[in-house]
Amino acid sequence: MKSVICLECEAEINLDAGVEKNEIIVCPDCGVDLEIVSLDPLTVDLAPMEEEDWGE
């Protein structure tokens, strides 16, 4: 099992071995979305926020 540290709250997040690059994971402690940007070494970044189009 692999683990990463949440960039928002610094909680340790345990991940399954089958995670893939660009996968979005959610921190179980603070709920922030994180994107897996690298598998070796395992690295995450804050996931890009989806922009609302407000019906435009």
Protein backbone atom coordinates (compact mmCIF):
# COMPACT_ATOMS: atom_id res chain seq x y z
CA MET A 1 0.00 0.00 0.00
CA LYS A 2 1.19 3.49 -0.84
CA SER A 3 0.51 6.68 1.05
CA VAL A 4 0.71 10.43 0.44
CA ILE A 5 0.35 13.48 2.65
CA CYS A 6 -2.63 15.78 2.07
CA LEU A 7 -1.47 19.20 0.92
CA GLU A 8 -4.36 20.88 2.73
CA CYS A 9 -4.44 19.29 6.20
CA GLU A 10 -1.26 17.14 6.20
CA ALA A 11 -3.18 13.92 6.94
CA GLU A 12 -1.67 10.67 5.69
CA ILE A 13 -3.80 9.15 2.93
CA ASN A 14 -3.39 5.43 2.23
CA LEU A 15 -3.90 4.48 -1.41
CA ASP A 16 -4.45 1.17 -3.16
CA ALA A 17 -1.60 -0.11 -5.30
CA GLY A 18 -3.75 0.31 -8.43
CA VAL A 19 -3.92 4.11 -8.44
CA GLU A 20 -3.26 5.78 -11.77
CA LYS A 21 -1.73 9.06 -12.87
CA ASN A 22 -4.29 11.91 -13.16
CA GLU A 23 -6.68 10.06 -10.85
CA ILE A 24 -8.57 12.29 -8.41
CA ILE A 25 -8.59 11.19 -4.78
CA VAL A 26 -10.38 12.77 -1.83
CA CYS A 27 -8.75 13.35 1.54
CA PRO A 28 -10.85 11.46 4.11
CA ASP A 29 -10.00 14.04 6.80
CA CYS A 30 -10.67 17.41 5.13
CA GLY A 31 -12.44 16.42 1.89
CA VAL A 32 -10.12 18.27 -0.49
CA ASP A 33 -9.73 16.82 -4.01
CA LEU A 34 -6.17 15.82 -4.89
CA GLU A 35 -4.84 14.77 -8.29
CA ILE A 36 -2.13 12.13 -8.63
CA VAL A 37 0.50 13.84 -10.80
CA SER A 38 3.27 11.24 -10.58
CA LEU A 39 3.50 7.56 -9.67
CA ASP A 40 7.25 7.28 -9.13
CA PRO A 41 7.67 8.98 -6.78
CA LEU A 42 4.01 9.11 -5.78
CA THR A 43 3.11 12.81 -5.86
CA VAL A 44 -0.18 14.68 -5.54
CA ASP A 45 -1.27 18.24 -6.23
CA LEU A 46 -4.50 20.09 -5.52
CA ALA A 47 -7.02 19.09 -8.17
CA PRO A 48 -8.09 21.87 -10.52
CA MET A 49 -11.42 23.37 -9.57
CA GLU A 50 -14.25 22.84 -12.04
CA GLU A 51 -15.42 26.21 -13.24
CA GLU A 52 -19.13 26.96 -13.29
CA ASP A 53 -20.51 28.32 -16.53
CA TRP A 54 -23.61 29.77 -14.83
CA GLY A 55 -25.70 28.97 -17.90
CA GLU A 56 -23.64 31.09 -20.26
